[in-house]
């Protein structure tokens, strides 16, 4: 069984379901980055993918980013109302928590748990390169992180219990925060809408819309976040590309220089020369597709790899077993699985297919389009799915297996 990148009838129906019956095109046209949307019973009979004690267990690990937020409602100073502690935590930290008004937030749970990573597939009406991660928060009764603004799109799925969400009526151009507070909590907040989410409900919140969630009893929320690159990051990567192509001999010249009435004056001709030079070094589409593809598939900085490194010999032997099994029936067939934290995208360029994997670029021929569509679109592939593309791309597949981008297993969630 393959999970293809192509939008099939089944996947399209799945997108409709999670959008409450709405056509995905209508959602993108009317709501995406425009206004919030409450989707009742988006995932009927949803069973939480992570138990509270499992989430707490992840927060004990040093490679997992986690936070504990405690709200002291009796605090007279607003800056002292919310208290923040970052992980990794210990069992003692959890035992010291009060009965109410605290929240545990664990970032990128999808990078560690396959069943949570699979949740992302339900949102593939948004391009893969826009996904950031799936954060999961567990809150005690009245737990909250305060009213705040995010710079990214988020789908808030209620996984356990209930939560009341209040949402502002328009995107905020500028946020005024409580000074001295360890969290980015708004000094004042006026809600335009209020919703109580039950298990399986989803609230979509576009960027810059202020929102505030308060847990009604113990509960868990899955935050499926979609982050786009900042303009500063885009400019920085362009400048890196530009600087890489410039040498010490590349300098501004002024053969047009004429005698000035005052030696300290910077003449308009000099400014025009600088502007013309900057404009002449604007990126062209061919340059952009290379550094943009690498940028949006780069893994998060500082994250330790979640796999055991293989030697080339080990990877080739493992891949050989996988391919060989495609020619016979097995009780437990092997699958090529994409690692939970892998980021893969491609561009169908003029000179070939550009495959981007975790910030690295592979230039393949035009004939590779079908192969890349399977590789980038599937989260698990059986041997028969890759058979048409072997042996042409075997070396590439072995290298990706060796790098931990994929792994081979006979166990499926």
Protein backbone atom coordinates (compact mmCIF):
# COMPACT_ATOMS: atom_id res chain seq x y z
CA UNK A 1 0.00 0.00 0.00
CA UNK A 2 1.37 3.44 -0.92
CA UNK A 3 0.29 6.82 0.33
CA UNK A 4 0.60 8.89 -2.81
CA UNK A 5 1.19 12.62 -3.13
CA UNK A 6 -1.54 12.89 -5.72
CA UNK A 7 -4.84 14.13 -4.32
CA UNK A 8 -7.06 11.06 -4.72
CA UNK A 9 -10.83 10.86 -4.24
CA UNK A 10 -10.31 9.24 -0.84
CA UNK A 11 -7.87 11.88 0.39
CA UNK A 12 -10.09 14.67 -0.95
CA UNK A 13 -13.05 13.22 0.97
CA UNK A 14 -10.82 13.03 4.05
CA UNK A 15 -9.97 16.71 3.68
CA UNK A 16 -13.68 17.51 3.40
CA UNK A 17 -14.40 15.60 6.60
CA UNK A 18 -11.79 17.36 8.68
CA UNK A 19 -13.14 20.67 7.35
CA UNK A 20 -16.66 19.78 8.44
CA UNK A 21 -17.84 18.95 4.93
CA UNK A 22 -16.37 22.08 3.37
CA UNK A 23 -14.56 21.83 0.06
CA UNK A 24 -10.80 22.39 0.65
CA UNK A 25 -10.74 24.94 -2.16
CA UNK A 26 -13.52 26.89 -0.45
CA UNK A 27 -11.60 26.80 2.84
CA UNK A 28 -8.46 28.15 1.19
CA UNK A 29 -10.45 30.84 -0.61
CA UNK A 30 -12.61 32.02 2.29
CA UNK A 31 -10.71 31.22 5.51
CA UNK A 32 -7.00 30.46 5.04
CA UNK A 33 -5.07 33.41 6.49
CA UNK A 34 -8.31 35.43 6.48
CA UNK A 35 -10.59 34.49 9.39
CA UNK A 36 -11.04 31.84 12.09
CA UNK A 37 -13.21 28.77 11.57
CA UNK A 38 -14.80 26.44 14.13
CA UNK A 39 -15.20 22.87 12.85
CA UNK A 40 -17.45 20.73 14.99
CA UNK A 41 -16.78 16.98 15.09
CA UNK A 42 -13.96 17.28 12.54
CA UNK A 43 -12.60 13.93 13.73
CA UNK A 44 -15.57 11.88 14.94
CA UNK A 45 -14.86 9.45 17.78
CA UNK A 46 -11.31 10.76 18.06
CA UNK A 47 -9.16 8.83 20.51
CA UNK A 48 -6.14 10.64 21.84
CA UNK A 49 -2.90 9.50 20.22
CA UNK A 50 -0.83 10.18 23.34
CA UNK A 51 -1.75 9.56 26.96
CA UNK A 52 -0.96 12.30 29.52
CA UNK A 53 1.71 10.18 31.21
CA UNK A 54 3.37 9.54 27.82
CA UNK A 55 3.45 13.27 27.13
CA UNK A 56 5.00 13.87 30.54
CA UNK A 57 7.54 11.15 29.76
CA UNK A 58 8.60 12.96 26.59
CA UNK A 59 9.10 16.14 28.62
CA UNK A 60 11.71 14.29 30.70
CA UNK A 61 13.94 13.82 27.63
CA UNK A 62 16.72 16.31 26.92
CA UNK A 63 16.19 16.28 23.12
CA UNK A 64 12.51 17.24 23.48
CA UNK A 65 11.53 20.91 23.75
CA UNK A 66 9.01 21.36 26.55
CA UNK A 67 7.61 24.08 28.79
CA UNK A 68 5.56 24.31 31.98
CA UNK A 69 3.34 27.36 32.40
CA UNK A 70 1.75 28.08 35.77
CA UNK A 71 -0.78 30.83 36.33
CA UNK A 72 -1.01 32.42 39.76
CA UNK A 73 -4.42 34.08 39.79
CA UNK A 74 -3.71 35.71 43.16
CA UNK A 75 -0.68 37.61 41.84
CA UNK A 76 -1.19 41.36 42.15
CA UNK A 77 1.49 42.13 39.59
CA UNK A 78 0.42 41.08 36.06
CA UNK A 79 4.04 40.30 35.14
CA UNK A 80 4.15 37.71 37.91
CA UNK A 81 0.84 36.08 37.05
CA UNK A 82 2.31 33.66 34.50
CA UNK A 83 5.42 31.70 35.39
CA UNK A 84 7.45 29.72 32.86
CA UNK A 85 9.83 26.82 33.32
CA UNK A 86 11.59 25.02 30.45
CA UNK A 87 12.41 21.32 30.24
CA UNK A 88 13.75 18.76 30.47
CA UNK A 89 11.77 18.09 33.62
CA UNK A 90 11.92 15.54 36.40
CA UNK A 91 9.20 13.55 38.12
CA UNK A 92 9.71 15.88 41.07
CA UNK A 93 8.71 18.88 38.92
CA UNK A 94 5.36 17.28 38.11
CA UNK A 95 4.69 16.24 41.69
CA UNK A 96 5.18 19.86 42.81
CA UNK A 97 2.47 21.20 40.48
CA UNK A 98 -0.74 22.64 41.95
CA UNK A 99 -4.10 21.02 41.26
CA UNK A 100 -5.22 23.71 38.80
CA UNK A 101 -3.99 26.53 36.53
CA UNK A 102 -0.98 24.88 34.89
CA UNK A 103 -0.13 23.70 31.36
CA UNK A 104 2.53 21.38 29.97
CA UNK A 105 3.49 22.11 26.35
CA UNK A 106 5.60 19.66 24.33
CA UNK A 107 6.88 20.81 20.95
CA UNK A 108 7.25 18.67 17.80
CA UNK A 109 5.69 15.53 19.24
CA UNK A 110 5.19 14.37 15.64
CA UNK A 111 8.99 14.13 15.29
CA UNK A 112 9.09 11.43 17.95
CA UNK A 113 5.84 9.48 17.68
CA UNK A 114 4.71 7.94 14.35
CA UNK A 115 1.03 7.99 15.30
CA UNK A 116 1.19 11.75 15.83
CA UNK A 117 3.17 12.26 12.62
CA UNK A 118 0.37 10.45 10.76
CA UNK A 119 -2.02 13.19 11.92
CA UNK A 120 -0.29 15.61 9.52
CA UNK A 121 -1.60 13.62 6.54
CA UNK A 122 -5.10 14.88 7.24
CA UNK A 123 -3.93 18.42 6.53
CA UNK A 124 -2.15 17.88 3.22
CA UNK A 125 -4.47 20.27 1.42
CA UNK A 126 -1.81 22.67 2.69
CA UNK A 127 1.62 22.14 0.99
CA UNK A 128 4.06 19.99 2.97
CA UNK A 129 6.70 22.70 3.09
CA UNK A 130 4.37 24.89 5.18
CA UNK A 131 4.03 22.41 8.07
CA UNK A 132 5.99 23.26 11.18
CA UNK A 133 5.11 20.63 13.75
CA UNK A 134 2.44 19.19 16.02
CA UNK A 135 2.66 20.60 19.52
CA UNK A 136 0.63 18.93 22.26
CA UNK A 137 -0.40 20.65 25.46
CA UNK A 138 -1.87 19.04 28.55
CA UNK A 139 -3.64 21.41 30.92
CA UNK A 140 -5.15 21.04 34.35
CA UNK A 141 -8.47 22.69 35.10
CA UNK A 142 -8.23 26.41 34.22
CA UNK A 143 -4.80 25.88 32.68
CA UNK A 144 -3.84 28.58 30.18
CA UNK A 145 -0.89 30.35 28.58
CA UNK A 146 -2.76 33.66 28.46
CA UNK A 147 -4.10 35.72 25.55
CA UNK A 148 -1.50 35.85 22.81
CA UNK A 149 -0.80 36.25 19.10
CA UNK A 150 0.98 33.77 16.82
CA UNK A 151 2.72 34.48 13.53
CA UNK A 152 1.58 31.22 11.99
CA UNK A 153 -1.58 29.34 11.04
CA UNK A 154 -2.74 26.76 13.54
CA UNK A 155 -5.42 24.08 13.71
CA UNK A 156 -6.34 23.47 17.37
CA UNK A 157 -7.67 19.94 17.80
CA UNK A 158 -9.24 19.02 21.12
CA UNK A 159 -7.85 15.62 22.10
CA UNK A 160 -9.10 15.19 25.67
CA UNK A 161 -11.56 17.09 27.83
CA UNK A 162 -12.87 20.55 26.98
CA UNK A 163 -11.34 23.95 26.36
CA UNK A 164 -12.90 27.39 25.98
CA UNK A 165 -11.32 29.49 23.25
CA UNK A 166 -11.81 33.23 22.82
CA UNK A 167 -10.69 34.76 19.52
CA UNK A 168 -10.25 38.37 18.44
CA UNK A 169 -12.18 39.76 15.49
CA UNK A 170 -9.29 40.98 13.33
CA UNK A 171 -5.54 40.44 12.90
CA UNK A 172 -3.41 42.58 15.18
CA UNK A 173 -0.86 44.81 13.49
CA UNK A 174 0.99 45.39 16.75
CA UNK A 175 0.78 43.52 20.03
CA UNK A 176 1.17 45.31 23.36
CA UNK A 177 2.56 42.83 25.87
CA UNK A 178 2.74 42.70 29.65
CA UNK A 179 6.18 44.02 30.51
CA UNK A 180 8.42 41.67 32.45
CA UNK A 181 6.23 38.62 31.77
CA UNK A 182 8.19 35.49 30.70
CA UNK A 183 5.47 34.76 28.11
CA UNK A 184 4.22 36.94 25.25
CA UNK A 185 0.93 37.69 27.01
CA UNK A 186 -1.20 40.57 25.73
CA UNK A 187 -1.71 43.43 28.15
CA UNK A 188 -5.36 43.69 27.11
CA UNK A 189 -7.58 41.36 25.11
CA UNK A 190 -11.05 41.79 23.64
CA UNK A 191 -12.73 38.69 22.30
CA UNK A 192 -15.05 38.78 19.32
CA UNK A 193 -16.00 35.08 19.45
CA UNK A 194 -16.02 32.38 22.13
CA UNK A 195 -16.17 28.61 21.60
CA UNK A 196 -16.15 25.54 23.82
CA UNK A 197 -14.30 22.73 22.07
CA UNK A 198 -15.07 19.08 22.77
CA UNK A 199 -13.02 16.05 21.75
CA UNK A 200 -12.71 15.92 17.95
CA UNK A 201 -13.55 19.61 17.41
CA UNK A 202 -11.06 21.85 15.59
CA UNK A 203 -10.57 25.60 15.69
CA UNK A 204 -8.56 27.16 12.86
CA UNK A 205 -6.82 30.42 13.81
CA UNK A 206 -5.00 32.48 11.14
CA UNK A 207 -1.80 34.42 11.88
CA UNK A 208 -2.00 37.53 14.06
CA UNK A 209 -5.48 36.79 15.42
CA UNK A 210 -5.34 37.09 19.21
CA UNK A 211 -6.68 34.00 20.99
CA UNK A 212 -6.93 32.66 24.52
CA UNK A 213 -7.66 29.07 25.53
CA UNK A 214 -8.65 27.99 29.04
CA UNK A 215 -9.04 24.33 29.96
CA UNK A 216 -12.39 23.32 31.46
CA UNK A 217 -11.21 20.44 33.58
CA UNK A 218 -8.13 18.43 32.62
CA UNK A 219 -7.66 18.37 28.86
CA UNK A 220 -5.29 17.98 25.93
CA UNK A 221 -4.95 20.04 22.76
CA UNK A 222 -3.10 19.18 19.56
CA UNK A 223 -1.76 22.26 17.79
CA UNK A 224 -1.00 21.55 14.14
CA UNK A 225 1.09 24.57 13.18
CA UNK A 226 1.94 25.92 9.72
CA UNK A 227 4.80 28.38 9.70
CA UNK A 228 6.08 30.33 6.69
CA UNK A 229 9.63 31.74 6.46
CA UNK A 230 10.05 35.26 7.76
CA UNK A 231 10.96 37.98 5.27
CA UNK A 232 14.14 38.53 7.29
CA UNK A 233 15.11 34.87 6.78
CA UNK A 234 14.37 35.09 3.06
CA UNK A 235 16.53 38.18 2.73
CA UNK A 236 19.31 36.61 4.80
CA UNK A 237 19.44 33.49 2.63
CA UNK A 238 19.50 35.62 -0.51
CA UNK A 239 22.37 37.64 0.91
CA UNK A 240 24.26 34.44 1.75
CA UNK A 241 23.84 33.34 -1.86
CA UNK A 242 24.97 36.72 -3.14
CA UNK A 243 27.99 36.89 -0.82
CA UNK A 244 29.08 33.40 -1.87
CA UNK A 245 29.43 34.64 -5.46
CA UNK A 246 31.39 37.80 -4.61
CA UNK A 247 35.14 38.01 -4.21
CA UNK A 248 37.54 40.56 -2.76
CA UNK A 249 37.96 42.07 -6.22
CA UNK A 250 34.23 42.86 -6.50
CA UNK A 251 33.95 46.50 -5.42
CA UNK A 252 32.01 49.59 -6.33
CA UNK A 253 33.75 51.68 -9.01
CA UNK A 254 33.24 55.30 -10.02
CA UNK A 255 34.85 56.06 -13.38
CA UNK A 256 32.12 58.68 -13.85
CA UNK A 257 33.50 60.79 -10.99
CA UNK A 258 33.56 64.57 -11.58
CA UNK A 259 34.88 67.47 -9.56
CA UNK A 260 32.49 68.34 -6.71
CA UNK A 261 31.75 71.75 -5.20
CA UNK A 262 32.18 70.23 -1.71
CA UNK A 263 34.39 67.19 -0.97
CA UNK A 264 32.15 65.95 1.89
CA UNK A 265 29.01 65.70 -0.24
CA UNK A 266 27.67 62.32 -1.36
CA UNK A 267 26.34 63.13 -4.81
CA UNK A 268 23.04 61.78 -6.24
CA UNK A 269 25.07 60.00 -8.93
CA UNK A 270 26.76 57.89 -6.25
CA UNK A 271 23.43 56.92 -4.67
CA UNK A 272 22.02 56.04 -8.09
CA UNK A 273 25.05 53.88 -8.82
CA UNK A 274 24.56 51.93 -5.57
CA UNK A 275 20.83 51.51 -6.21
CA UNK A 276 21.46 50.32 -9.78
CA UNK A 277 24.00 47.78 -8.52
CA UNK A 278 21.62 46.44 -5.87
CA UNK A 279 18.80 46.15 -8.41
CA UNK A 280 21.06 44.32 -10.82
CA UNK A 281 21.72 41.69 -8.17
CA UNK A 282 18.11 40.80 -7.44
CA UNK A 283 17.49 37.03 -7.40
CA UNK A 284 16.05 35.42 -10.49
CA UNK A 285 13.53 32.53 -10.34
CA UNK A 286 16.21 29.97 -11.16
CA UNK A 287 18.33 31.04 -8.19
CA UNK A 288 15.34 31.29 -5.86
CA UNK A 289 14.10 27.76 -6.45
CA UNK A 290 17.42 26.32 -5.28
CA UNK A 291 17.88 28.21 -2.01
CA UNK A 292 14.16 28.37 -1.21
CA UNK A 293 13.76 24.60 -1.53
CA UNK A 294 16.73 24.01 0.76
CA UNK A 295 15.53 26.63 3.22
CA UNK A 296 11.98 25.33 3.72
CA UNK A 297 13.10 21.71 4.11
CA UNK A 298 15.92 22.40 6.55
CA UNK A 299 15.40 20.65 9.90
CA UNK A 300 15.05 22.68 13.06
CA UNK A 301 18.40 23.85 14.36
CA UNK A 302 19.76 22.16 17.44
CA UNK A 303 17.62 19.05 17.10
CA UNK A 304 19.46 15.80 17.66
CA UNK A 305 18.80 13.11 15.02
CA UNK A 306 16.26 10.57 16.19
CA UNK A 307 17.83 7.58 14.44
CA UNK A 308 20.83 5.30 14.71
CA UNK A 309 23.37 5.99 11.97
CA UNK A 310 24.02 3.18 9.49
CA UNK A 311 27.14 2.46 7.50
CA UNK A 312 26.81 2.30 3.73
CA UNK A 313 27.30 -1.46 3.90
CA UNK A 314 24.55 -1.85 6.51
CA UNK A 315 22.17 0.38 4.54
CA UNK A 316 22.77 -1.56 1.30
CA UNK A 317 22.19 -4.91 3.02
CA UNK A 318 18.99 -3.66 4.64
CA UNK A 319 17.70 -2.19 1.40
CA UNK A 320 18.54 -5.46 -0.39
CA UNK A 321 16.34 -7.39 2.05
CA UNK A 322 13.54 -4.90 1.50
CA UNK A 323 13.72 -5.15 -2.32
CA UNK A 324 14.04 -8.93 -2.29
CA UNK A 325 10.90 -9.28 -0.24
CA UNK A 326 8.94 -7.58 -2.98
CA UNK A 327 9.12 -10.75 -5.07
CA UNK A 328 7.51 -13.03 -2.51
CA UNK A 329 4.64 -13.10 -0.05
CA UNK A 330 5.51 -12.48 3.57
CA UNK A 331 3.46 -12.63 6.74
CA UNK A 332 5.02 -9.37 7.91
CA UNK A 333 6.06 -7.41 4.80
CA UNK A 334 8.76 -4.78 5.04
CA UNK A 335 7.98 -1.14 4.40
CA UNK A 336 10.17 1.84 3.63
CA UNK A 337 8.99 4.43 6.16
CA UNK A 338 9.71 8.13 6.11
CA UNK A 339 11.28 9.29 9.38
CA UNK A 340 8.90 11.35 11.46
CA UNK A 341 11.10 14.46 11.35
CA UNK A 342 12.05 14.25 7.66
CA UNK A 343 11.20 17.23 5.45
CA UNK A 344 10.87 16.45 1.73
CA UNK A 345 9.75 18.62 -1.18
CA UNK A 346 10.43 18.94 -4.91
CA UNK A 347 10.31 21.42 -7.78
CA UNK A 348 9.58 20.42 -11.36
CA UNK A 349 12.24 22.69 -12.90
CA UNK A 350 13.19 23.33 -16.51
CA UNK A 351 16.47 21.46 -16.30
CA UNK A 352 15.17 18.52 -14.25
CA UNK A 353 13.48 17.64 -10.98
CA UNK A 354 14.91 19.27 -7.87
CA UNK A 355 14.46 17.01 -4.84
CA UNK A 356 14.97 18.65 -1.45
CA UNK A 357 15.54 16.50 1.61
CA UNK A 358 16.26 18.05 5.02
CA UNK A 359 17.92 21.09 3.46
CA UNK A 360 19.94 19.14 0.87
CA UNK A 361 19.31 19.36 -2.88
CA UNK A 362 19.41 16.53 -5.43
CA UNK A 363 19.20 17.37 -9.13
CA UNK A 364 17.49 14.53 -10.99
CA UNK A 365 16.51 14.16 -14.62
CA UNK A 366 13.07 14.96 -15.98
CA UNK A 367 12.41 11.22 -16.10
CA UNK A 368 12.51 11.17 -12.29
CA UNK A 369 9.21 12.99 -11.92
CA UNK A 370 7.13 9.87 -11.19
CA UNK A 371 9.75 8.51 -8.83
CA UNK A 372 9.94 11.76 -6.88
CA UNK A 373 6.13 11.99 -6.74
CA UNK A 374 6.05 8.61 -4.96
CA UNK A 375 9.03 9.30 -2.71
CA UNK A 376 7.89 12.76 -1.62
CA UNK A 377 4.24 11.84 -1.41
CA UNK A 378 4.39 8.58 0.50
CA UNK A 379 4.93 8.07 4.20
CA UNK A 380 5.29 4.34 3.73
CA UNK A 381 6.16 2.42 0.56
CA UNK A 382 6.10 -1.32 -0.05
CA UNK A 383 8.75 -2.85 -2.34
CA UNK A 384 6.33 -3.09 -5.27
CA UNK A 385 5.84 0.68 -5.13
CA UNK A 386 9.52 1.29 -5.86
CA UNK A 387 10.10 -1.63 -8.24
CA UNK A 388 9.47 0.44 -11.41
CA UNK A 389 12.25 2.86 -10.41
CA UNK A 390 15.00 0.36 -9.62
CA UNK A 391 17.90 0.12 -10.18
CA UNK A 392 18.09 3.74 -11.45
CA UNK A 393 17.56 5.31 -8.04
CA UNK A 394 18.84 2.60 -5.75
CA UNK A 395 22.00 4.51 -4.79
CA UNK A 396 19.95 7.57 -3.83
CA UNK A 397 17.55 5.47 -1.77
CA UNK A 398 20.40 3.72 0.03
CA UNK A 399 21.99 7.08 0.87
CA UNK A 400 18.67 8.39 2.26
CA UNK A 401 18.28 5.21 4.27
CA UNK A 402 21.81 5.57 5.59
CA UNK A 403 21.15 9.21 6.52
CA UNK A 404 18.05 8.24 8.49
CA UNK A 405 15.61 10.06 6.21
CA UNK A 406 13.88 6.70 5.78
CA UNK A 407 13.93 3.50 7.80
CA UNK A 408 12.74 -0.04 7.08
CA UNK A 409 10.31 -1.81 9.36
CA UNK A 410 7.70 -4.56 9.44
CA UNK A 411 5.74 -2.85 12.20
CA UNK A 412 3.02 -0.36 11.28
CA UNK A 413 0.97 1.78 13.64
